[in-house]
Amino acid sequence: MDRRPLGLVAAAYAAIVLWVTIGPAPWRTASHQVDGGILNPDAWTASVTWTTGYLAEIAFNVALFIPVGALAALLLPRRFWPLAMLAGFSFATMIELIQLPEPDRISDPRDLVMNTAGTIVGVVLVQTARMVRRAGAVAATEVLSPTEAIDAAVATGTLDPLFPGDAVGARPAPQHHEPALAAMGSSADRAA
């Protein structure tokens, strides 16, 4: 699968997320940031972190990162899906660290948790879609009984009917010894 177009989509979406999260804010923020933001351990336990904000803001932070997780999961091979979650978490952490010195932005542990949750939702959606697609492909395959499978293999020439346990070409071709046997038979006749 050519992932270059998907990589371009991911880069464009990352640029949009960066503009929305660290670009100039079109609104004034009420600063409830604990000094040090996500780097301050007290920010993780402060009541202001978890009790301020609106439900719409929380939903926005989750929804903003669902495509991040989905795109990361689509760009990485299937077996590396945990790295897609790590990539989304790392991206969100980078954003929160960049927001620390900005006067009109808030570096908040709640945002990091919600962004990471959005990434996880995106990865889970992609993994679920992959499993459904794989299950559909398996269900669409024709299941043959053992007798039907053997008959089909013999008909297509992939199974030798004389040696059913072997595929065609697995056994060496039989050696023809008729001339040698005929010569032995004629010498035995002469001796009698």
N, C-alpha and C. Protein backbone atom coordinates (compact mmCIF):
# COMPACT_ATOMS: atom_id res chain seq x y z
N MET A 1 0.84 -1.18 0.00
CA MET A 1 0.00 0.00 0.00
C MET A 1 0.88 1.24 0.00
N ASP A 2 0.59 2.16 -0.88
CA ASP A 2 1.34 3.40 -0.96
C ASP A 2 0.81 4.36 0.10
N ARG A 3 1.65 4.65 1.08
CA ARG A 3 1.20 5.48 2.20
C ARG A 3 1.54 6.96 2.02
N ARG A 4 2.16 7.33 0.89
CA ARG A 4 2.54 8.73 0.70
C ARG A 4 1.37 9.69 0.73
N PRO A 5 0.26 9.42 0.01
CA PRO A 5 -0.87 10.36 0.09
C PRO A 5 -1.42 10.48 1.52
N LEU A 6 -1.45 9.36 2.22
CA LEU A 6 -1.93 9.38 3.60
C LEU A 6 -0.97 10.17 4.48
N GLY A 7 0.32 10.07 4.20
CA GLY A 7 1.32 10.85 4.93
C GLY A 7 1.12 12.35 4.72
N LEU A 8 0.76 12.74 3.49
CA LEU A 8 0.49 14.15 3.22
C LEU A 8 -0.75 14.63 3.98
N VAL A 9 -1.77 13.79 4.02
CA VAL A 9 -2.99 14.14 4.78
C VAL A 9 -2.64 14.29 6.26
N ALA A 10 -1.83 13.37 6.78
CA ALA A 10 -1.43 13.43 8.19
C ALA A 10 -0.63 14.69 8.48
N ALA A 11 0.28 15.05 7.58
CA ALA A 11 1.09 16.27 7.78
C ALA A 11 0.19 17.51 7.74
N ALA A 12 -0.76 17.54 6.82
CA ALA A 12 -1.67 18.68 6.74
C ALA A 12 -2.53 18.78 8.00
N TYR A 13 -3.02 17.63 8.48
CA TYR A 13 -3.84 17.66 9.69
C TYR A 13 -3.01 18.08 10.90
N ALA A 14 -1.76 17.61 10.98
CA ALA A 14 -0.88 18.01 12.09
C ALA A 14 -0.66 19.53 12.07
N ALA A 15 -0.51 20.10 10.87
CA ALA A 15 -0.34 21.55 10.77
C ALA A 15 -1.58 22.28 11.27
N ILE A 16 -2.76 21.75 10.93
CA ILE A 16 -4.01 22.37 11.41
C ILE A 16 -4.10 22.28 12.93
N VAL A 17 -3.76 21.12 13.49
CA VAL A 17 -3.81 20.95 14.95
C VAL A 17 -2.83 21.92 15.62
N LEU A 18 -1.65 22.05 15.05
CA LEU A 18 -0.67 22.98 15.63
C LEU A 18 -1.19 24.42 15.56
N TRP A 19 -1.81 24.80 14.46
CA TRP A 19 -2.33 26.16 14.34
C TRP A 19 -3.44 26.40 15.37
N VAL A 20 -4.31 25.41 15.55
CA VAL A 20 -5.42 25.57 16.49
C VAL A 20 -4.92 25.61 17.93
N THR A 21 -3.88 24.84 18.24
CA THR A 21 -3.46 24.70 19.63
C THR A 21 -2.35 25.65 20.06
N ILE A 22 -1.48 26.06 19.14
CA ILE A 22 -0.40 26.96 19.56
C ILE A 22 -0.35 28.25 18.75
N GLY A 23 -1.23 28.37 17.75
CA GLY A 23 -1.30 29.61 16.98
C GLY A 23 -1.94 30.70 17.83
N PRO A 24 -2.06 31.90 17.26
CA PRO A 24 -2.68 32.99 18.01
C PRO A 24 -4.13 32.64 18.38
N ALA A 25 -4.44 32.79 19.63
CA ALA A 25 -5.79 32.46 20.11
C ALA A 25 -6.75 33.58 19.74
N PRO A 26 -7.89 33.26 19.14
CA PRO A 26 -8.86 34.29 18.77
C PRO A 26 -9.72 34.73 19.95
N TRP A 27 -9.46 34.23 21.12
CA TRP A 27 -10.24 34.56 22.30
C TRP A 27 -9.30 34.79 23.46
N ARG A 28 -9.81 35.42 24.49
CA ARG A 28 -9.03 35.62 25.72
C ARG A 28 -9.27 34.42 26.61
N THR A 29 -8.22 33.91 27.18
CA THR A 29 -8.37 32.76 28.06
C THR A 29 -8.33 33.21 29.51
N ALA A 30 -9.17 32.63 30.31
CA ALA A 30 -9.13 32.87 31.75
C ALA A 30 -8.08 31.92 32.30
N SER A 31 -7.02 32.49 32.80
CA SER A 31 -5.89 31.65 33.20
C SER A 31 -6.16 30.93 34.50
N HIS A 32 -6.32 29.64 34.40
CA HIS A 32 -6.42 28.79 35.58
C HIS A 32 -5.24 27.83 35.60
N GLN A 33 -4.20 28.19 34.83
CA GLN A 33 -3.03 27.32 34.73
C GLN A 33 -2.21 27.38 36.01
N VAL A 34 -1.87 26.21 36.49
CA VAL A 34 -0.95 26.12 37.61
C VAL A 34 0.44 26.38 37.06
N ASP A 35 1.24 27.16 37.78
CA ASP A 35 2.59 27.46 37.29
C ASP A 35 3.33 26.18 36.93
N GLY A 36 3.93 26.19 35.76
CA GLY A 36 4.67 25.02 35.30
C GLY A 36 3.86 24.07 34.47
N GLY A 37 2.54 24.29 34.38
CA GLY A 37 1.68 23.46 33.53
C GLY A 37 1.86 21.98 33.77
N ILE A 38 2.00 21.22 32.70
CA ILE A 38 2.08 19.77 32.83
C ILE A 38 3.37 19.30 33.48
N LEU A 39 4.37 20.21 33.59
CA LEU A 39 5.64 19.82 34.22
C LEU A 39 5.58 19.89 35.74
N ASN A 40 4.57 20.56 36.26
CA ASN A 40 4.43 20.72 37.70
C ASN A 40 3.58 19.57 38.25
N PRO A 41 4.15 18.73 39.12
CA PRO A 41 3.36 17.62 39.69
C PRO A 41 2.10 18.09 40.40
N ASP A 42 2.13 19.29 40.98
CA ASP A 42 0.95 19.81 41.67
C ASP A 42 -0.20 20.08 40.69
N ALA A 43 0.13 20.38 39.43
CA ALA A 43 -0.91 20.63 38.44
C ALA A 43 -1.76 19.39 38.19
N TRP A 44 -1.17 18.22 38.39
CA TRP A 44 -1.89 16.97 38.15
C TRP A 44 -2.88 16.66 39.27
N THR A 45 -2.66 17.24 40.45
CA THR A 45 -3.55 16.96 41.58
C THR A 45 -4.38 18.18 42.00
N ALA A 46 -4.12 19.33 41.39
CA ALA A 46 -4.86 20.55 41.75
C ALA A 46 -6.32 20.44 41.33
N SER A 47 -7.21 20.86 42.20
CA SER A 47 -8.64 20.76 41.88
C SER A 47 -9.01 21.66 40.70
N VAL A 48 -8.31 22.78 40.53
CA VAL A 48 -8.62 23.68 39.43
C VAL A 48 -8.40 23.00 38.07
N THR A 49 -7.49 22.05 38.03
CA THR A 49 -7.21 21.34 36.77
C THR A 49 -8.40 20.52 36.32
N TRP A 50 -9.04 19.87 37.24
CA TRP A 50 -10.08 18.91 36.88
C TRP A 50 -11.50 19.46 37.05
N THR A 51 -11.66 20.63 37.66
CA THR A 51 -13.01 21.16 37.89
C THR A 51 -13.34 22.35 37.01
N THR A 52 -12.36 22.95 36.35
CA THR A 52 -12.64 24.09 35.48
C THR A 52 -12.78 23.61 34.05
N GLY A 53 -13.31 24.47 33.21
CA GLY A 53 -13.48 24.11 31.80
C GLY A 53 -14.90 23.67 31.53
N TYR A 54 -15.20 23.62 30.27
CA TYR A 54 -16.54 23.25 29.84
C TYR A 54 -16.52 21.87 29.20
N LEU A 55 -17.67 21.22 29.22
CA LEU A 55 -17.80 19.91 28.59
C LEU A 55 -17.47 20.01 27.10
N ALA A 56 -17.85 21.11 26.46
CA ALA A 56 -17.55 21.30 25.04
C ALA A 56 -16.04 21.36 24.80
N GLU A 57 -15.31 21.97 25.69
CA GLU A 57 -13.85 22.04 25.57
C GLU A 57 -13.24 20.65 25.69
N ILE A 58 -13.74 19.87 26.64
CA ILE A 58 -13.24 18.51 26.84
C ILE A 58 -13.54 17.66 25.60
N ALA A 59 -14.77 17.76 25.09
CA ALA A 59 -15.15 17.01 23.90
C ALA A 59 -14.31 17.44 22.69
N PHE A 60 -14.04 18.73 22.58
CA PHE A 60 -13.21 19.24 21.49
C PHE A 60 -11.81 18.66 21.56
N ASN A 61 -11.23 18.61 22.76
CA ASN A 61 -9.88 18.06 22.91
C ASN A 61 -9.82 16.58 22.54
N VAL A 62 -10.87 15.84 22.85
CA VAL A 62 -10.90 14.42 22.46
C VAL A 62 -11.08 14.32 20.94
N ALA A 63 -12.07 15.05 20.40
CA ALA A 63 -12.39 14.95 18.97
C ALA A 63 -11.23 15.42 18.09
N LEU A 64 -10.48 16.41 18.54
CA LEU A 64 -9.36 16.94 17.77
C LEU A 64 -8.29 15.88 17.53
N PHE A 65 -8.14 14.96 18.47
CA PHE A 65 -7.07 13.96 18.36
C PHE A 65 -7.53 12.59 17.86
N ILE A 66 -8.82 12.39 17.63
CA ILE A 66 -9.27 11.12 17.04
C ILE A 66 -8.63 10.92 15.66
N PRO A 67 -8.63 11.94 14.78
CA PRO A 67 -7.95 11.75 13.49
C PRO A 67 -6.44 11.54 13.63
N VAL A 68 -5.83 12.13 14.65
CA VAL A 68 -4.39 11.93 14.87
C VAL A 68 -4.13 10.44 15.12
N GLY A 69 -4.91 9.83 16.00
CA GLY A 69 -4.74 8.40 16.28
C GLY A 69 -5.07 7.54 15.07
N ALA A 70 -6.14 7.89 14.36
CA ALA A 70 -6.53 7.10 13.19
C ALA A 70 -5.47 7.18 12.10
N LEU A 71 -4.96 8.38 11.82
CA LEU A 71 -3.94 8.52 10.78
C LEU A 71 -2.65 7.82 11.18
N ALA A 72 -2.27 7.94 12.44
CA ALA A 72 -1.05 7.25 12.89
C ALA A 72 -1.21 5.74 12.76
N ALA A 73 -2.38 5.22 13.11
CA ALA A 73 -2.62 3.77 13.00
C ALA A 73 -2.62 3.32 11.54
N LEU A 74 -3.12 4.15 10.64
CA LEU A 74 -3.14 3.80 9.22
C LEU A 74 -1.75 3.89 8.59
N LEU A 75 -0.93 4.79 9.10
CA LEU A 75 0.42 4.94 8.54
C LEU A 75 1.38 3.86 9.00
N LEU A 76 1.14 3.32 10.18
CA LEU A 76 2.04 2.29 10.71
C LEU A 76 1.53 0.90 10.34
N PRO A 77 2.44 -0.05 10.16
CA PRO A 77 1.98 -1.42 9.92
C PRO A 77 1.12 -1.90 11.09
N ARG A 78 0.23 -2.83 10.80
CA ARG A 78 -0.76 -3.30 11.76
C ARG A 78 -0.15 -3.74 13.09
N ARG A 79 0.98 -4.41 13.03
CA ARG A 79 1.55 -4.95 14.27
C ARG A 79 2.16 -3.86 15.17
N PHE A 80 2.32 -2.63 14.65
CA PHE A 80 2.91 -1.55 15.43
C PHE A 80 1.86 -0.56 15.95
N TRP A 81 0.59 -1.00 16.07
CA TRP A 81 -0.46 -0.08 16.48
C TRP A 81 -0.21 0.57 17.83
N PRO A 82 0.49 -0.07 18.80
CA PRO A 82 0.75 0.66 20.04
C PRO A 82 1.62 1.91 19.82
N LEU A 83 2.46 1.88 18.79
CA LEU A 83 3.27 3.07 18.49
C LEU A 83 2.41 4.24 18.03
N ALA A 84 1.26 3.94 17.43
CA ALA A 84 0.35 5.01 17.02
C ALA A 84 -0.17 5.76 18.25
N MET A 85 -0.47 5.01 19.32
CA MET A 85 -0.90 5.66 20.56
C MET A 85 0.22 6.50 21.15
N LEU A 86 1.43 5.96 21.12
CA LEU A 86 2.59 6.69 21.63
C LEU A 86 2.84 7.95 20.82
N ALA A 87 2.65 7.87 19.50
CA ALA A 87 2.85 9.04 18.64
C ALA A 87 1.85 10.14 18.99
N GLY A 88 0.59 9.77 19.20
CA GLY A 88 -0.41 10.77 19.57
C GLY A 88 -0.13 11.39 20.93
N PHE A 89 0.27 10.57 21.89
CA PHE A 89 0.63 11.07 23.21
C PHE A 89 1.82 12.02 23.11
N SER A 90 2.83 11.66 22.32
CA SER A 90 4.01 12.50 22.16
C SER A 90 3.66 13.83 21.50
N PHE A 91 2.79 13.79 20.50
CA PHE A 91 2.35 15.01 19.81
C PHE A 91 1.61 15.93 20.78
N ALA A 92 0.72 15.36 21.58
CA ALA A 92 -0.02 16.16 22.56
C ALA A 92 0.92 16.73 23.62
N THR A 93 1.89 15.94 24.06
CA THR A 93 2.86 16.42 25.05
C THR A 93 3.67 17.58 24.48
N MET A 94 4.11 17.47 23.23
CA MET A 94 4.86 18.54 22.60
C MET A 94 4.04 19.83 22.56
N ILE A 95 2.77 19.71 22.22
CA ILE A 95 1.89 20.88 22.17
C ILE A 95 1.77 21.53 23.55
N GLU A 96 1.56 20.71 24.56
CA GLU A 96 1.42 21.25 25.92
C GLU A 96 2.71 21.92 26.39
N LEU A 97 3.85 21.39 26.01
CA LEU A 97 5.12 22.00 26.39
C LEU A 97 5.34 23.33 25.66
N ILE A 98 4.93 23.40 24.40
CA ILE A 98 5.05 24.65 23.64
C ILE A 98 4.11 25.70 24.23
N GLN A 99 2.97 25.30 24.77
CA GLN A 99 2.00 26.24 25.34
C GLN A 99 2.48 26.84 26.66
N LEU A 100 3.44 26.20 27.32
CA LEU A 100 3.88 26.69 28.64
C LEU A 100 4.25 28.18 28.65
N PRO A 101 5.14 28.66 27.80
CA PRO A 101 5.53 30.07 27.89
C PRO A 101 4.57 31.05 27.21
N GLU A 102 3.62 30.55 26.44
CA GLU A 102 2.72 31.44 25.71
C GLU A 102 1.70 32.07 26.66
N PRO A 103 1.55 33.39 26.58
CA PRO A 103 0.65 34.06 27.53
C PRO A 103 -0.84 33.80 27.28
N ASP A 104 -1.21 33.51 26.04
CA ASP A 104 -2.64 33.30 25.75
C ASP A 104 -3.00 31.83 25.59
N ARG A 105 -2.14 30.95 26.04
CA ARG A 105 -2.41 29.51 26.00
C ARG A 105 -2.24 28.91 27.39
N ILE A 106 -2.87 27.75 27.61
CA ILE A 106 -2.81 27.09 28.92
C ILE A 106 -2.28 25.68 28.74
N SER A 107 -1.20 25.38 29.42
CA SER A 107 -0.67 24.01 29.44
C SER A 107 -1.35 23.30 30.60
N ASP A 108 -2.16 22.33 30.26
CA ASP A 108 -3.05 21.74 31.25
C ASP A 108 -3.00 20.21 31.19
N PRO A 109 -2.81 19.55 32.33
CA PRO A 109 -2.83 18.08 32.33
C PRO A 109 -4.13 17.50 31.77
N ARG A 110 -5.26 18.18 32.01
CA ARG A 110 -6.54 17.69 31.50
C ARG A 110 -6.53 17.64 29.98
N ASP A 111 -5.94 18.66 29.34
CA ASP A 111 -5.86 18.67 27.88
C ASP A 111 -5.01 17.50 27.38
N LEU A 112 -3.91 17.25 28.06
CA LEU A 112 -3.04 16.13 27.67
C LEU A 112 -3.78 14.80 27.79
N VAL A 113 -4.53 14.63 28.86
CA VAL A 113 -5.28 13.39 29.06
C VAL A 113 -6.37 13.26 28.00
N MET A 114 -7.10 14.33 27.71
CA MET A 114 -8.17 14.28 26.72
C MET A 114 -7.62 14.07 25.31
N ASN A 115 -6.51 14.73 24.97
CA ASN A 115 -5.89 14.51 23.66
C ASN A 115 -5.43 13.07 23.51
N THR A 116 -4.84 12.51 24.54
CA THR A 116 -4.40 11.12 24.50
C THR A 116 -5.60 10.18 24.38
N ALA A 117 -6.68 10.50 25.08
CA ALA A 117 -7.90 9.69 24.96
C ALA A 117 -8.43 9.72 23.53
N GLY A 118 -8.39 10.88 22.89
CA GLY A 118 -8.81 10.98 21.49
C GLY A 118 -7.94 10.14 20.58
N THR A 119 -6.63 10.15 20.83
CA THR A 119 -5.71 9.33 20.05
C THR A 119 -6.06 7.86 20.19
N ILE A 120 -6.32 7.43 21.41
CA ILE A 120 -6.66 6.02 21.67
C ILE A 120 -7.95 5.64 20.94
N VAL A 121 -8.94 6.53 20.97
CA VAL A 121 -10.20 6.26 20.26
C VAL A 121 -9.93 6.10 18.76
N GLY A 122 -9.10 6.97 18.19
CA GLY A 122 -8.78 6.87 16.77
C GLY A 122 -8.08 5.57 16.42
N VAL A 123 -7.12 5.15 17.24
CA VAL A 123 -6.41 3.90 16.98
C VAL A 123 -7.37 2.71 17.11
N VAL A 124 -8.22 2.74 18.13
CA VAL A 124 -9.17 1.64 18.34
C VAL A 124 -10.16 1.56 17.17
N LEU A 125 -10.60 2.70 16.66
CA LEU A 125 -11.50 2.68 15.51
C LEU A 125 -10.85 2.02 14.29
N VAL A 126 -9.58 2.36 14.03
CA VAL A 126 -8.88 1.77 12.89
C VAL A 126 -8.68 0.27 13.11
N GLN A 127 -8.27 -0.12 14.30
CA GLN A 127 -8.06 -1.54 14.58
C GLN A 127 -9.37 -2.32 14.48
N THR A 128 -10.45 -1.73 14.95
CA THR A 128 -11.76 -2.39 14.84
C THR A 128 -12.17 -2.54 13.38
N ALA A 129 -11.97 -1.49 12.59
CA ALA A 129 -12.30 -1.57 11.16
C ALA A 129 -11.46 -2.64 10.47
N ARG A 130 -10.20 -2.75 10.85
CA ARG A 130 -9.33 -3.79 10.26
C ARG A 130 -9.83 -5.18 10.62
N MET A 131 -10.23 -5.37 11.88
CA MET A 131 -10.72 -6.69 12.30
C MET A 131 -12.03 -7.04 11.59
N VAL A 132 -12.91 -6.07 11.44
CA VAL A 132 -14.19 -6.31 10.76
C VAL A 132 -13.92 -6.66 9.29
N ARG A 133 -13.01 -5.93 8.66
CA ARG A 133 -12.69 -6.21 7.26
C ARG A 133 -12.08 -7.60 7.11
N ARG A 134 -11.17 -7.96 8.02
CA ARG A 134 -10.54 -9.28 7.97
C ARG A 134 -11.57 -10.37 8.22
N ALA A 135 -12.48 -10.16 9.18
CA ALA A 135 -13.53 -11.15 9.46
C ALA A 135 -14.46 -11.28 8.26
N GLY A 136 -14.77 -10.19 7.59
CA GLY A 136 -15.60 -10.25 6.39
C GLY A 136 -14.92 -11.01 5.27
N ALA A 137 -13.61 -10.83 5.13
CA ALA A 137 -12.87 -11.55 4.09
C ALA A 137 -12.84 -13.05 4.39
N VAL A 138 -12.68 -13.39 5.66
CA VAL A 138 -12.67 -14.80 6.04
C VAL A 138 -14.06 -15.40 5.83
N ALA A 139 -15.08 -14.68 6.18
CA ALA A 139 -16.45 -15.18 6.02
C ALA A 139 -16.82 -15.33 4.54
N ALA A 140 -16.21 -14.52 3.69
CA ALA A 140 -16.53 -14.58 2.27
C ALA A 140 -15.82 -15.72 1.54
N THR A 141 -14.81 -16.30 2.17
CA THR A 141 -14.11 -17.41 1.51
C THR A 141 -14.97 -18.66 1.57
N GLU A 142 -14.86 -19.47 0.52
CA GLU A 142 -15.64 -20.69 0.43
C GLU A 142 -14.98 -21.76 1.28
N VAL A 143 -15.75 -22.40 2.10
CA VAL A 143 -15.25 -23.48 2.94
C VAL A 143 -15.62 -24.80 2.27
N LEU A 144 -14.61 -25.62 2.02
CA LEU A 144 -14.82 -26.90 1.36
C LEU A 144 -14.65 -28.04 2.35
N SER A 145 -15.39 -29.10 2.12
CA SER A 145 -15.18 -30.30 2.92
C SER A 145 -13.85 -30.91 2.49
N PRO A 146 -13.27 -31.79 3.30
CA PRO A 146 -12.00 -32.39 2.91
C PRO A 146 -12.06 -33.10 1.55
N THR A 147 -13.14 -33.79 1.27
CA THR A 147 -13.28 -34.49 -0.01
C THR A 147 -13.34 -33.49 -1.16
N GLU A 148 -14.11 -32.39 -0.97
CA GLU A 148 -14.19 -31.36 -2.01
C GLU A 148 -12.85 -30.70 -2.23
N ALA A 149 -12.09 -30.47 -1.15
CA ALA A 149 -10.78 -29.85 -1.27
C ALA A 149 -9.82 -30.74 -2.04
N ILE A 150 -9.85 -32.05 -1.78
CA ILE A 150 -8.97 -32.99 -2.50
C ILE A 150 -9.37 -33.04 -3.97
N ASP A 151 -10.66 -33.13 -4.25
CA ASP A 151 -11.13 -33.16 -5.64
C ASP A 151 -10.72 -31.88 -6.38
N ALA A 152 -10.83 -30.75 -5.72
CA ALA A 152 -10.45 -29.48 -6.34
C ALA A 152 -8.95 -29.43 -6.60
N ALA A 153 -8.15 -29.94 -5.67
CA ALA A 153 -6.70 -29.95 -5.84
C ALA A 153 -6.29 -30.89 -6.96
N VAL A 154 -6.93 -32.03 -7.08
CA VAL A 154 -6.64 -32.97 -8.18
C VAL A 154 -7.04 -32.35 -9.51
N ALA A 155 -8.21 -31.70 -9.54
CA ALA A 155 -8.71 -31.09 -10.77
C ALA A 155 -7.80 -29.96 -11.25
N THR A 156 -7.21 -29.20 -10.33
CA THR A 156 -6.33 -28.10 -10.72
C THR A 156 -4.91 -28.55 -10.93
N GLY A 157 -4.62 -29.81 -10.64
CA GLY A 157 -3.27 -30.32 -10.86
C GLY A 157 -2.30 -30.02 -9.74
N THR A 158 -2.79 -29.59 -8.60
CA THR A 158 -1.89 -29.29 -7.48
C THR A 158 -1.73 -30.48 -6.55
N LEU A 159 -2.45 -31.56 -6.82
CA LEU A 159 -2.34 -32.76 -5.99
C LEU A 159 -2.26 -33.97 -6.91
N ASP A 160 -1.32 -34.83 -6.64
CA ASP A 160 -1.11 -36.04 -7.44
C ASP A 160 -2.11 -37.10 -6.99
N PRO A 161 -3.00 -37.57 -7.88
CA PRO A 161 -4.02 -38.54 -7.46
C PRO A 161 -3.42 -39.89 -7.06
N LEU A 162 -2.19 -40.22 -7.54
CA LEU A 162 -1.58 -41.49 -7.16
C LEU A 162 -0.98 -41.44 -5.76
N PHE A 163 -0.54 -40.25 -5.37
CA PHE A 163 0.05 -40.05 -4.04
C PHE A 163 -0.67 -38.89 -3.38
N PRO A 164 -1.88 -39.08 -2.85
CA PRO A 164 -2.70 -37.98 -2.34
C PRO A 164 -2.05 -37.18 -1.22
N GLY A 165 -1.12 -37.74 -0.53
CA GLY A 165 -0.48 -36.99 0.55
C GLY A 165 0.56 -36.01 0.06
N ASP A 166 0.93 -36.11 -1.20
CA ASP A 166 1.99 -35.26 -1.74
C ASP A 166 1.44 -34.31 -2.78
N ALA A 167 2.06 -33.17 -2.85
CA ALA A 167 1.72 -32.24 -3.92
C ALA A 167 2.44 -32.69 -5.17
N VAL A 168 1.91 -32.29 -6.32
CA VAL A 168 2.55 -32.66 -7.57
C VAL A 168 3.94 -32.07 -7.58
N GLY A 169 4.91 -32.86 -7.97
CA GLY A 169 6.29 -32.41 -8.03
C GLY A 169 7.06 -32.67 -6.76
N ALA A 170 6.37 -33.11 -5.69
CA ALA A 170 7.06 -33.37 -4.43
C ALA A 170 7.82 -34.69 -4.50
N ARG A 171 7.32 -35.66 -5.28
CA ARG A 171 7.99 -36.95 -5.42
C ARG A 171 8.81 -36.93 -6.71
N PRO A 172 9.93 -37.58 -6.68
CA PRO A 172 10.69 -37.66 -7.93
C PRO A 172 9.93 -38.50 -8.95
N ALA A 173 10.17 -38.21 -10.19
CA ALA A 173 9.50 -38.96 -11.26
C ALA A 173 9.94 -40.42 -11.18
N PRO A 174 9.01 -41.36 -11.40
CA PRO A 174 9.39 -42.77 -11.32
C PRO A 174 10.39 -43.11 -12.42
N GLN A 175 11.35 -43.95 -12.06
CA GLN A 175 12.36 -44.40 -13.01
C GLN A 175 11.78 -45.57 -13.81
N HIS A 176 11.96 -45.56 -15.11
CA HIS A 176 11.46 -46.63 -15.96
C HIS A 176 12.60 -47.62 -16.22
N HIS A 177 12.44 -48.83 -15.72
CA HIS A 177 13.48 -49.85 -15.85
C HIS A 177 13.04 -50.99 -16.76
N GLU A 178 12.05 -50.80 -17.62
CA GLU A 178 11.58 -51.87 -18.48
C GLU A 178 12.67 -52.47 -19.36
N PRO A 179 13.54 -51.66 -20.00
CA PRO A 179 14.56 -52.28 -20.85
C PRO A 179 15.50 -53.17 -20.04
N ALA A 180 15.84 -52.74 -18.84
CA ALA A 180 16.74 -53.55 -18.02
C ALA A 180 16.04 -54.83 -17.58
N LEU A 181 14.75 -54.72 -17.22
CA LEU A 181 14.00 -55.92 -16.83
C LEU A 181 13.83 -56.86 -18.00
N ALA A 182 13.61 -56.33 -19.20
CA ALA A 182 13.44 -57.17 -20.38
C ALA A 182 14.75 -57.91 -20.67
N ALA A 183 15.88 -57.20 -20.49
CA ALA A 183 17.17 -57.84 -20.73
C ALA A 183 17.41 -58.94 -19.73
N MET A 184 17.02 -58.71 -18.48
CA MET A 184 17.20 -59.73 -17.45
C MET A 184 16.30 -60.92 -17.74
N GLY A 185 15.09 -60.66 -18.22
CA GLY A 185 14.15 -61.73 -18.54
C GLY A 185 14.67 -62.57 -19.69
N SER A 186 15.26 -61.97 -20.69
CA SER A 186 15.74 -62.75 -21.84
C SER A 186 16.96 -63.59 -21.47
N SER A 187 17.80 -63.11 -20.54
CA SER A 187 18.94 -63.93 -20.11
C SER A 187 18.49 -65.07 -19.27
N ALA A 188 17.41 -64.91 -18.50
CA ALA A 188 16.88 -65.98 -17.67
C ALA A 188 16.26 -67.05 -18.57
N ASP A 189 15.66 -66.62 -19.71
CA ASP A 189 15.08 -67.57 -20.63
C ASP A 189 16.16 -68.43 -21.30
N ARG A 190 17.29 -67.77 -21.58
CA ARG A 190 18.37 -68.50 -22.23
C ARG A 190 18.97 -69.55 -21.29
N ALA A 191 19.01 -69.24 -19.99
CA ALA A 191 19.58 -70.16 -19.02
C ALA A 191 18.71 -71.39 -18.83
N ALA A 192 17.47 -71.27 -19.05
CA ALA A 192 16.55 -72.39 -18.86
C ALA A 192 16.57 -73.26 -20.03
